[in-house]
Amino acid sequence: MFADWLQYRWDLLITTWFGNNLFAMNFYGTLAIVYCMFWTVGLFYLFVDTTGRPSFLLKYKIQEPYTPMTKSEFMDMIGQVVYNQTVVMLPLFYLLARALEWRQFPTGQLPSLARIVTEAIGYLVLYEIGFYYTHRLLHYGPLYRLIHKRHHRWQAPVAMSSFYCHPVEHVISNIMPVFIGPFVLGSHLFIQWGWYGAVIFVTLAHHSGYHFPCMISSEYHDYHHLKFNQNFGTFGLLDWIHGTNNEFYKSIAYKRHRVFMSCQPIKQLYPDESQNISSNNNNNVKNK
């Protein structure tokens, strides 16, 4: 019953809004998903970062102490983000939409759950390869100084700083790896749109600096911004192969890198070693 309803709504969407035009679906539809997800979720994080409200969320901040974003930081970040989303993304998305139109992909009968899961795994592997190697390349001396250093201005990143980067980096490391999977696999548009929305959501969460209950962990990428030479990938496959997350495995951040169900902050569930030592010393004093 639900599958029939979903198919009906899907057919209505692609015929009413896009007239079954492949280019329109991939250009306007993809832009709508990316922009809506980025600004809806991003503005939530931005509100918390700039106002400190609601205050109870601040206890889930990873890097302490909490310091509100300054006006100059805010204006600089928003200016770069808007530039990357207009001057850089619009013409690039146009070209990518034309490439996917040429590639051809199904838009009618919705794919099975098994197909969605299989292709999602393929997306993750191809994205990991594309992002890891382009990201690590950007840490090479001259490329880092000229390009990637701008993104690493945020040692304690915030969600919208995920798009705060040099335009060259935005093209080769942020956008192109995301489109490898849909282009190679020629996936159904339904899977593509779900993938684009998920990538934006996860990217914002990874840069947010928050580790909320029942949410994906931001510890992995936050550690990269803290240390610079660790955790170049997204979920750790190539970092493990190349040994570029060995320090992370030894850190307290690794123990915190998990989905937790308690309302108690993960920092309290897995306190820093210095806090453990201090607590033990206090207990010893009391016992004496």
C-alpha atoms as a PDB file:
ATOM      1  CA  MET A   1       0.000   0.000   0.000  1.00  0.00           C
ATOM      2  CA  PHE A   2       2.738   2.453   0.983  1.00  0.00           C
ATOM      3  CA  ALA A   3       4.787   1.475  -2.071  1.00  0.00           C
ATOM      4  CA  ASP A   4       1.837   2.244  -4.363  1.00  0.00           C
ATOM      5  CA  TRP A   5       1.258   5.606  -2.675  1.00  0.00           C
ATOM      6  CA  LEU A   6       4.946   6.490  -2.933  1.00  0.00           C
ATOM      7  CA  GLN A   7       5.043   5.524  -6.614  1.00  0.00           C
ATOM      8  CA  TYR A   8       1.988   7.675  -7.303  1.00  0.00           C
ATOM      9  CA  ARG A   9       3.504  10.703  -5.556  1.00  0.00           C
ATOM     10  CA  TRP A  10       6.792  10.173  -7.351  1.00  0.00           C
ATOM     11  CA  ASP A  11       5.158   9.986 -10.787  1.00  0.00           C
ATOM     12  CA  LEU A  12       3.198  13.132  -9.982  1.00  0.00           C
ATOM     13  CA  LEU A  13       6.378  14.950  -8.953  1.00  0.00           C
ATOM     14  CA  ILE A  14       8.463  14.207 -12.021  1.00  0.00           C
ATOM     15  CA  THR A  15       5.638  14.837 -14.479  1.00  0.00           C
ATOM     16  CA  THR A  16       4.100  17.935 -12.875  1.00  0.00           C
ATOM     17  CA  TRP A  17       7.248  19.724 -11.825  1.00  0.00           C
ATOM     18  CA  PHE A  18       9.779  18.537 -14.378  1.00  0.00           C
ATOM     19  CA  GLY A  19       7.749  17.270 -17.327  1.00  0.00           C
ATOM     20  CA  ASN A  20       9.892  14.103 -17.398  1.00  0.00           C
ATOM     21  CA  ASN A  21      12.843  16.240 -18.531  1.00  0.00           C
ATOM     22  CA  LEU A  22      16.087  14.583 -17.403  1.00  0.00           C
ATOM     23  CA  PHE A  23      18.107  17.783 -17.418  1.00  0.00           C
ATOM     24  CA  ALA A  24      15.498  19.701 -15.413  1.00  0.00           C
ATOM     25  CA  MET A  25      15.329  16.918 -12.844  1.00  0.00           C
ATOM     26  CA  ASN A  26      19.080  16.787 -12.380  1.00  0.00           C
ATOM     27  CA  PHE A  27      19.686  20.527 -12.450  1.00  0.00           C
ATOM     28  CA  TYR A  28      16.728  22.167 -10.720  1.00  0.00           C
ATOM     29  CA  GLY A  29      15.778  19.163  -8.604  1.00  0.00           C
ATOM     30  CA  THR A  30      19.289  18.520  -7.349  1.00  0.00           C
ATOM     31  CA  LEU A  31      19.897  22.208  -6.625  1.00  0.00           C
ATOM     32  CA  ALA A  32      16.651  22.378  -4.648  1.00  0.00           C
ATOM     33  CA  ILE A  33      17.627  19.368  -2.525  1.00  0.00           C
ATOM     34  CA  VAL A  34      21.174  20.582  -1.892  1.00  0.00           C
ATOM     35  CA  TYR A  35      20.204  24.164  -1.078  1.00  0.00           C
ATOM     36  CA  CYS A  36      17.189  23.279   1.087  1.00  0.00           C
ATOM     37  CA  MET A  37      19.121  20.704   3.110  1.00  0.00           C
ATOM     38  CA  PHE A  38      22.171  22.936   3.520  1.00  0.00           C
ATOM     39  CA  TRP A  39      20.330  26.068   4.608  1.00  0.00           C
ATOM     40  CA  THR A  40      17.656  24.361   6.717  1.00  0.00           C
ATOM     41  CA  VAL A  41      20.073  22.256   8.764  1.00  0.00           C
ATOM     42  CA  GLY A  42      22.916  24.766   8.509  1.00  0.00           C
ATOM     43  CA  LEU A  43      20.849  27.655   9.862  1.00  0.00           C
ATOM     44  CA  PHE A  44      19.858  25.556  12.868  1.00  0.00           C
ATOM     45  CA  TYR A  45      23.511  24.981  13.752  1.00  0.00           C
ATOM     46  CA  LEU A  46      24.348  28.602  12.925  1.00  0.00           C
ATOM     47  CA  PHE A  47      21.658  29.876  15.292  1.00  0.00           C
ATOM     48  CA  VAL A  48      23.079  27.811  18.148  1.00  0.00           C
ATOM     49  CA  ASP A  49      26.659  28.870  17.329  1.00  0.00           C
ATOM     50  CA  THR A  50      25.872  32.580  17.206  1.00  0.00           C
ATOM     51  CA  THR A  51      23.370  32.855  20.064  1.00  0.00           C
ATOM     52  CA  GLY A  52      24.280  29.966  22.370  1.00  0.00           C
ATOM     53  CA  ARG A  53      20.609  29.029  22.461  1.00  0.00           C
ATOM     54  CA  PRO A  54      19.053  26.743  23.428  1.00  0.00           C
ATOM     55  CA  SER A  55      21.774  26.631  26.049  1.00  0.00           C
ATOM     56  CA  PHE A  56      21.256  22.962  26.977  1.00  0.00           C
ATOM     57  CA  LEU A  57      22.657  21.968  23.560  1.00  0.00           C
ATOM     58  CA  LEU A  58      26.029  23.529  24.359  1.00  0.00           C
ATOM     59  CA  LYS A  59      26.919  20.629  26.647  1.00  0.00           C
ATOM     60  CA  TYR A  60      27.148  18.491  23.496  1.00  0.00           C
ATOM     61  CA  LYS A  61      29.844  20.722  21.993  1.00  0.00           C
ATOM     62  CA  ILE A  62      33.007  18.694  21.357  1.00  0.00           C
ATOM     63  CA  GLN A  63      35.739  21.310  21.630  1.00  0.00           C
ATOM     64  CA  GLU A  64      35.568  23.513  24.708  1.00  0.00           C
ATOM     65  CA  PRO A  65      35.206  26.166  25.892  1.00  0.00           C
ATOM     66  CA  TYR A  66      32.263  27.416  23.838  1.00  0.00           C
ATOM     67  CA  THR A  67      32.898  30.816  22.256  1.00  0.00           C
ATOM     68  CA  PRO A  68      30.194  32.529  20.166  1.00  0.00           C
ATOM     69  CA  MET A  69      31.058  33.294  16.567  1.00  0.00           C
ATOM     70  CA  THR A  70      32.159  36.901  16.071  1.00  0.00           C
ATOM     71  CA  LYS A  71      30.507  39.216  13.560  1.00  0.00           C
ATOM     72  CA  SER A  72      33.606  39.264  11.340  1.00  0.00           C
ATOM     73  CA  GLU A  73      33.827  35.459  11.364  1.00  0.00           C
ATOM     74  CA  PHE A  74      30.134  35.251  10.530  1.00  0.00           C
ATOM     75  CA  MET A  75      30.355  37.686   7.593  1.00  0.00           C
ATOM     76  CA  ASP A  76      33.510  36.084   6.226  1.00  0.00           C
ATOM     77  CA  MET A  77      32.023  32.590   6.370  1.00  0.00           C
ATOM     78  CA  ILE A  78      28.661  33.517   4.865  1.00  0.00           C
ATOM     79  CA  GLY A  79      30.338  35.474   2.064  1.00  0.00           C
ATOM     80  CA  GLN A  80      32.530  32.517   1.064  1.00  0.00           C
ATOM     81  CA  VAL A  81      29.658  30.036   1.342  1.00  0.00           C
ATOM     82  CA  VAL A  82      27.318  32.124  -0.828  1.00  0.00           C
ATOM     83  CA  TYR A  83      30.081  32.631  -3.403  1.00  0.00           C
ATOM     84  CA  ASN A  84      30.744  28.893  -3.591  1.00  0.00           C
ATOM     85  CA  GLN A  85      27.026  28.116  -3.872  1.00  0.00           C
ATOM     86  CA  THR A  86      26.421  30.582  -6.707  1.00  0.00           C
ATOM     87  CA  VAL A  87      29.490  31.480  -8.746  1.00  0.00           C
ATOM     88  CA  VAL A  88      31.054  28.018  -8.364  1.00  0.00           C
ATOM     89  CA  MET A  89      28.168  25.569  -7.996  1.00  0.00           C
ATOM     90  CA  LEU A  90      25.618  26.874 -10.500  1.00  0.00           C
ATOM     91  CA  PRO A  91      27.748  26.507 -13.659  1.00  0.00           C
ATOM     92  CA  LEU A  92      29.277  23.256 -12.389  1.00  0.00           C
ATOM     93  CA  PHE A  93      25.864  21.764 -11.599  1.00  0.00           C
ATOM     94  CA  TYR A  94      24.721  22.749 -15.084  1.00  0.00           C
ATOM     95  CA  LEU A  95      27.610  20.787 -16.633  1.00  0.00           C
ATOM     96  CA  LEU A  96      27.064  17.818 -14.315  1.00  0.00           C
ATOM     97  CA  ALA A  97      23.340  17.795 -15.126  1.00  0.00           C
ATOM     98  CA  ARG A  98      24.190  17.671 -18.834  1.00  0.00           C
ATOM     99  CA  ALA A  99      26.653  14.829 -18.210  1.00  0.00           C
ATOM    100  CA  LEU A 100      24.056  12.841 -16.272  1.00  0.00           C
ATOM    101  CA  GLU A 101      21.475  13.570 -18.970  1.00  0.00           C
ATOM    102  CA  TRP A 102      23.877  12.079 -21.521  1.00  0.00           C
ATOM    103  CA  ARG A 103      24.585   9.138 -19.186  1.00  0.00           C
ATOM    104  CA  GLN A 104      20.847   8.343 -18.981  1.00  0.00           C
ATOM    105  CA  PHE A 105      19.274   6.918 -15.841  1.00  0.00           C
ATOM    106  CA  PRO A 106      15.848   5.532 -14.875  1.00  0.00           C
ATOM    107  CA  THR A 107      13.211   7.874 -13.436  1.00  0.00           C
ATOM    108  CA  GLY A 108      10.031   5.803 -13.569  1.00  0.00           C
ATOM    109  CA  GLN A 109       9.393   2.657 -11.520  1.00  0.00           C
ATOM    110  CA  LEU A 110      10.971   3.159  -8.106  1.00  0.00           C
ATOM    111  CA  PRO A 111      13.883   0.852  -7.241  1.00  0.00           C
ATOM    112  CA  SER A 112      13.633  -1.973  -4.741  1.00  0.00           C
ATOM    113  CA  LEU A 113      15.034  -1.648  -1.240  1.00  0.00           C
ATOM    114  CA  ALA A 114      17.766  -4.137  -2.114  1.00  0.00           C
ATOM    115  CA  ARG A 115      18.799  -1.991  -5.083  1.00  0.00           C
ATOM    116  CA  ILE A 116      18.846   1.151  -2.940  1.00  0.00           C
ATOM    117  CA  VAL A 117      21.038  -0.487  -0.293  1.00  0.00           C
ATOM    118  CA  THR A 118      23.414  -2.017  -2.854  1.00  0.00           C
ATOM    119  CA  GLU A 119      23.934   1.232  -4.720  1.00  0.00           C
ATOM    120  CA  ALA A 120      24.261   3.203  -1.486  1.00  0.00           C
ATOM    121  CA  ILE A 121      27.195   0.962  -0.548  1.00  0.00           C
ATOM    122  CA  GLY A 122      28.696   1.569  -3.988  1.00  0.00           C
ATOM    123  CA  TYR A 123      28.256   5.319  -3.512  1.00  0.00           C
ATOM    124  CA  LEU A 124      30.032   5.207  -0.157  1.00  0.00           C
ATOM    125  CA  VAL A 125      33.031   3.315  -1.527  1.00  0.00           C
ATOM    126  CA  LEU A 126      33.413   5.547  -4.593  1.00  0.00           C
ATOM    127  CA  TYR A 127      32.936   8.679  -2.506  1.00  0.00           C
ATOM    128  CA  GLU A 128      35.541   7.531   0.000  1.00  0.00           C
ATOM    129  CA  ILE A 129      38.050   6.991  -2.813  1.00  0.00           C
ATOM    130  CA  GLY A 130      37.338  10.340  -4.449  1.00  0.00           C
ATOM    131  CA  PHE A 131      37.275  12.367  -1.252  1.00  0.00           C
ATOM    132  CA  TYR A 132      40.220  10.720   0.503  1.00  0.00           C
ATOM    133  CA  TYR A 133      42.737  11.143  -2.316  1.00  0.00           C
ATOM    134  CA  THR A 134      41.697  14.649  -3.344  1.00  0.00           C
ATOM    135  CA  HIS A 135      41.612  15.733   0.307  1.00  0.00           C
ATOM    136  CA  ARG A 136      45.010  14.242   1.051  1.00  0.00           C
ATOM    137  CA  LEU A 137      46.425  15.832  -2.109  1.00  0.00           C
ATOM    138  CA  LEU A 138      45.228  19.225  -0.862  1.00  0.00           C
ATOM    139  CA  HIS A 139      47.333  18.724   2.267  1.00  0.00           C
ATOM    140  CA  TYR A 140      50.472  18.631   0.113  1.00  0.00           C
ATOM    141  CA  GLY A 141      52.653  21.679   0.914  1.00  0.00           C
ATOM    142  CA  PRO A 142      52.014  24.214  -1.885  1.00  0.00           C
ATOM    143  CA  LEU A 143      48.424  23.070  -2.439  1.00  0.00           C
ATOM    144  CA  TYR A 144      47.701  23.368   1.253  1.00  0.00           C
ATOM    145  CA  ARG A 145      49.102  26.896   1.475  1.00  0.00           C
ATOM    146  CA  LEU A 146      47.370  28.095  -1.690  1.00  0.00           C
ATOM    147  CA  ILE A 147      44.048  26.263  -1.410  1.00  0.00           C
ATOM    148  CA  HIS A 148      43.200  24.066   1.566  1.00  0.00           C
ATOM    149  CA  LYS A 149      44.510  26.330   4.328  1.00  0.00           C
ATOM    150  CA  ARG A 150      41.409  28.483   3.941  1.00  0.00           C
ATOM    151  CA  HIS A 151      39.165  25.629   5.080  1.00  0.00           C
ATOM    152  CA  HIS A 152      41.448  24.833   8.017  1.00  0.00           C
ATOM    153  CA  ARG A 153      41.086  28.324   9.362  1.00  0.00           C
ATOM    154  CA  TRP A 154      38.339  26.666  11.410  1.00  0.00           C
ATOM    155  CA  GLN A 155      40.329  24.492  13.812  1.00  0.00           C
ATOM    156  CA  ALA A 156      37.101  24.054  15.748  1.00  0.00           C
ATOM    157  CA  PRO A 157      34.727  23.850  12.755  1.00  0.00           C
ATOM    158  CA  VAL A 158      31.080  24.858  12.589  1.00  0.00           C
ATOM    159  CA  ALA A 159      28.498  23.303  10.302  1.00  0.00           C
ATOM    160  CA  MET A 160      28.508  25.929   7.552  1.00  0.00           C
ATOM    161  CA  SER A 161      32.298  25.973   7.448  1.00  0.00           C
ATOM    162  CA  SER A 162      31.935  22.738   5.462  1.00  0.00           C
ATOM    163  CA  PHE A 163      31.452  24.993   2.409  1.00  0.00           C
ATOM    164  CA  TYR A 164      33.971  27.580   3.605  1.00  0.00           C
ATOM    165  CA  CYS A 165      36.822  26.727   1.273  1.00  0.00           C
ATOM    166  CA  HIS A 166      38.720  27.774  -1.826  1.00  0.00           C
ATOM    167  CA  PRO A 167      36.618  27.406  -5.022  1.00  0.00           C
ATOM    168  CA  VAL A 168      39.109  24.891  -6.426  1.00  0.00           C
ATOM    169  CA  GLU A 169      38.722  22.717  -3.354  1.00  0.00           C
ATOM    170  CA  HIS A 170      34.953  23.045  -3.516  1.00  0.00           C
ATOM    171  CA  VAL A 171      34.983  21.627  -7.048  1.00  0.00           C
ATOM    172  CA  ILE A 172      37.511  18.810  -6.817  1.00  0.00           C
ATOM    173  CA  SER A 173      37.013  17.624  -3.232  1.00  0.00           C
ATOM    174  CA  ASN A 174      33.516  18.645  -2.138  1.00  0.00           C
ATOM    175  CA  ILE A 175      31.414  18.229  -5.266  1.00  0.00           C
ATOM    176  CA  MET A 176      33.026  15.875  -7.772  1.00  0.00           C
ATOM    177  CA  PRO A 177      33.418  12.864  -5.413  1.00  0.00           C
ATOM    178  CA  VAL A 178      29.682  13.067  -4.632  1.00  0.00           C
ATOM    179  CA  PHE A 179      28.754  12.677  -8.313  1.00  0.00           C
ATOM    180  CA  ILE A 180      31.083   9.746  -9.055  1.00  0.00           C
ATOM    181  CA  GLY A 181      28.620   7.129  -7.770  1.00  0.00           C
ATOM    182  CA  PRO A 182      25.501   8.360  -9.616  1.00  0.00           C
ATOM    183  CA  PHE A 183      27.441   8.763 -12.865  1.00  0.00           C
ATOM    184  CA  VAL A 184      29.248   5.404 -12.740  1.00  0.00           C
ATOM    185  CA  LEU A 185      26.229   3.395 -11.604  1.00  0.00           C
ATOM    186  CA  GLY A 186      23.602   5.253 -13.643  1.00  0.00           C
ATOM    187  CA  SER A 187      21.300   5.095 -10.654  1.00  0.00           C
ATOM    188  CA  HIS A 188      17.604   5.811 -10.456  1.00  0.00           C
ATOM    189  CA  LEU A 189      16.921   9.496  -9.774  1.00  0.00           C
ATOM    190  CA  PHE A 190      15.204   8.586  -6.498  1.00  0.00           C
ATOM    191  CA  ILE A 191      18.459   7.076  -5.190  1.00  0.00           C
ATOM    192  CA  GLN A 192      20.485  10.035  -6.468  1.00  0.00           C
ATOM    193  CA  TRP A 193      18.365  12.607  -4.688  1.00  0.00           C
ATOM    194  CA  GLY A 194      18.429  10.621  -1.456  1.00  0.00           C
ATOM    195  CA  TRP A 195      22.214  10.424  -1.722  1.00  0.00           C
ATOM    196  CA  TYR A 196      22.692  14.161  -2.292  1.00  0.00           C
ATOM    197  CA  GLY A 197      20.482  15.035   0.663  1.00  0.00           C
ATOM    198  CA  ALA A 198      22.242  12.527   2.926  1.00  0.00           C
ATOM    199  CA  VAL A 199      25.712  13.803   1.962  1.00  0.00           C
ATOM    200  CA  ILE A 200      24.802  17.396   2.794  1.00  0.00           C
ATOM    201  CA  PHE A 201      23.232  16.387   6.112  1.00  0.00           C
ATOM    202  CA  VAL A 202      26.237  14.255   7.140  1.00  0.00           C
ATOM    203  CA  THR A 203      28.764  16.876   5.978  1.00  0.00           C
ATOM    204  CA  LEU A 204      27.077  19.532   8.111  1.00  0.00           C
ATOM    205  CA  ALA A 205      26.974  17.168  11.094  1.00  0.00           C
ATOM    206  CA  HIS A 206      30.655  16.251  10.672  1.00  0.00           C
ATOM    207  CA  HIS A 207      31.653  19.927  10.734  1.00  0.00           C
ATOM    208  CA  SER A 208      29.139  21.020  13.371  1.00  0.00           C
ATOM    209  CA  GLY A 209      31.339  20.504  16.420  1.00  0.00           C
ATOM    210  CA  TYR A 210      28.390  18.852  18.194  1.00  0.00           C
ATOM    211  CA  HIS A 211      27.876  15.222  19.162  1.00  0.00           C
ATOM    212  CA  PHE A 212      24.195  14.839  19.955  1.00  0.00           C
ATOM    213  CA  PRO A 213      22.478  11.721  21.363  1.00  0.00           C
ATOM    214  CA  CYS A 214      21.160   9.295  18.718  1.00  0.00           C
ATOM    215  CA  MET A 215      23.065  11.228  16.023  1.00  0.00           C
ATOM    216  CA  ILE A 216      26.057  10.314  13.907  1.00  0.00           C
ATOM    217  CA  SER A 217      29.371  11.184  15.493  1.00  0.00           C
ATOM    218  CA  SER A 218      31.329  14.265  14.419  1.00  0.00           C
ATOM    219  CA  GLU A 219      34.423  13.127  16.330  1.00  0.00           C
ATOM    220  CA  TYR A 220      36.214  11.701  13.274  1.00  0.00           C
ATOM    221  CA  HIS A 221      36.362  14.813  11.122  1.00  0.00           C
ATOM    222  CA  ASP A 222      36.615  17.130  14.112  1.00  0.00           C
ATOM    223  CA  TYR A 223      39.831  15.311  15.037  1.00  0.00           C
ATOM    224  CA  HIS A 224      41.140  16.027  11.531  1.00  0.00           C
ATOM    225  CA  HIS A 225      40.595  19.765  12.027  1.00  0.00           C
ATOM    226  CA  LEU A 226      42.316  19.523  15.399  1.00  0.00           C
ATOM    227  CA  LYS A 227      45.381  17.539  14.247  1.00  0.00           C
ATOM    228  CA  PHE A 228      45.533  18.233  10.462  1.00  0.00           C
ATOM    229  CA  ASN A 229      47.415  15.004   9.581  1.00  0.00           C
ATOM    230  CA  GLN A 230      44.815  12.424  10.631  1.00  0.00           C
ATOM    231  CA  ASN A 231      41.467  11.198   9.282  1.00  0.00           C
ATOM    232  CA  PHE A 232      41.503  12.378   5.665  1.00  0.00           C
ATOM    233  CA  GLY A 233      38.564  10.172   4.674  1.00  0.00           C
ATOM    234  CA  THR A 234      34.945  10.004   5.689  1.00  0.00           C
ATOM    235  CA  PHE A 235      34.339   6.651   7.398  1.00  0.00           C
ATOM    236  CA  GLY A 236      37.899   5.414   7.799  1.00  0.00           C
ATOM    237  CA  LEU A 237      38.417   2.688   5.173  1.00  0.00           C
ATOM    238  CA  LEU A 238      41.309   4.335   3.315  1.00  0.00           C
ATOM    239  CA  ASP A 239      42.651   5.958   6.465  1.00  0.00           C
ATOM    240  CA  TRP A 240      42.946   2.451   7.917  1.00  0.00           C
ATOM    241  CA  ILE A 241      44.630   1.118   4.757  1.00  0.00           C
ATOM    242  CA  HIS A 242      47.132   4.003   4.629  1.00  0.00           C
ATOM    243  CA  GLY A 243      47.626   4.289   8.386  1.00  0.00           C
ATOM    244  CA  THR A 244      46.431   7.882   8.530  1.00  0.00           C
ATOM    245  CA  ASN A 245      44.184   7.396  11.548  1.00  0.00           C
ATOM    246  CA  ASN A 246      46.590   5.530  13.853  1.00  0.00           C
ATOM    247  CA  GLU A 247      46.827   8.456  16.276  1.00  0.00           C
ATOM    248  CA  PHE A 248      43.057   8.793  16.282  1.00  0.00           C
ATOM    249  CA  TYR A 249      42.713   5.151  17.399  1.00  0.00           C
ATOM    250  CA  LYS A 250      44.829   5.975  20.462  1.00  0.00           C
ATOM    251  CA  SER A 251      42.841   9.088  21.383  1.00  0.00           C
ATOM    252  CA  ILE A 252      39.841   9.608  23.634  1.00  0.00           C
ATOM    253  CA  ALA A 253      38.008  10.905  20.556  1.00  0.00           C
ATOM    254  CA  TYR A 254      38.037   7.357  19.151  1.00  0.00           C
ATOM    255  CA  LYS A 255      36.222   6.044  22.221  1.00  0.00           C
ATOM    256  CA  ARG A 256      33.646   8.806  21.754  1.00  0.00           C
ATOM    257  CA  HIS A 257      33.251   8.112  18.034  1.00  0.00           C
ATOM    258  CA  ARG A 258      29.951   6.248  18.274  1.00  0.00           C
ATOM    259  CA  VAL A 259      26.211   6.776  18.342  1.00  0.00           C
ATOM    260  CA  PHE A 260      25.120   7.022  21.969  1.00  0.00           C
ATOM    261  CA  MET A 261      21.604   6.917  23.367  1.00  0.00           C
ATOM    262  CA  SER A 262      22.090   8.695  26.690  1.00  0.00           C
ATOM    263  CA  CYS A 263      21.176  12.351  27.253  1.00  0.00           C
ATOM    264  CA  GLN A 264      24.414  12.605  29.207  1.00  0.00           C
ATOM    265  CA  PRO A 265      27.120  14.192  26.994  1.00  0.00           C
ATOM    266  CA  ILE A 266      29.566  11.741  25.471  1.00  0.00           C
ATOM    267  CA  LYS A 267      32.407  13.744  27.073  1.00  0.00           C
ATOM    268  CA  GLN A 268      31.086  12.729  30.471  1.00  0.00           C
ATOM    269  CA  LEU A 269      30.593   9.101  29.463  1.00  0.00           C
ATOM    270  CA  TYR A 270      34.197   9.037  28.192  1.00  0.00           C
ATOM    271  CA  PRO A 271      36.025  11.789  30.119  1.00  0.00           C
ATOM    272  CA  ASP A 272      39.510  13.030  29.258  1.00  0.00           C
ATOM    273  CA  GLU A 273      42.364  11.177  30.942  1.00  0.00           C
ATOM    274  CA  SER A 274      43.334  14.310  32.850  1.00  0.00           C
ATOM    275  CA  GLN A 275      39.835  14.392  34.330  1.00  0.00           C
ATOM    276  CA  ASN A 276      40.109  10.734  35.314  1.00  0.00           C
ATOM    277  CA  ILE A 277      43.451  11.368  37.017  1.00  0.00           C
ATOM    278  CA  SER A 278      42.065  14.395  38.844  1.00  0.00           C
ATOM    279  CA  SER A 279      39.000  12.435  39.931  1.00  0.00           C
ATOM    280  CA  ASN A 280      41.140   9.550  41.200  1.00  0.00           C
ATOM    281  CA  ASN A 281      43.395  11.937  43.114  1.00  0.00           C
ATOM    282  CA  ASN A 282      40.388  13.552  44.754  1.00  0.00           C
ATOM    283  CA  ASN A 283      39.058  10.140  45.756  1.00  0.00           C
ATOM    284  CA  ASN A 284      42.443   9.200  47.220  1.00  0.00           C
ATOM    285  CA  VAL A 285      42.523  12.399  49.255  1.00  0.00           C
ATOM    286  CA  LYS A 286      39.042  11.710  50.589  1.00  0.00           C
ATOM    287  CA  ASN A 287      39.962   8.128  51.476  1.00  0.00           C
ATOM    288  CA  LYS A 288      42.992   9.325  53.443  1.00  0.00           C
END
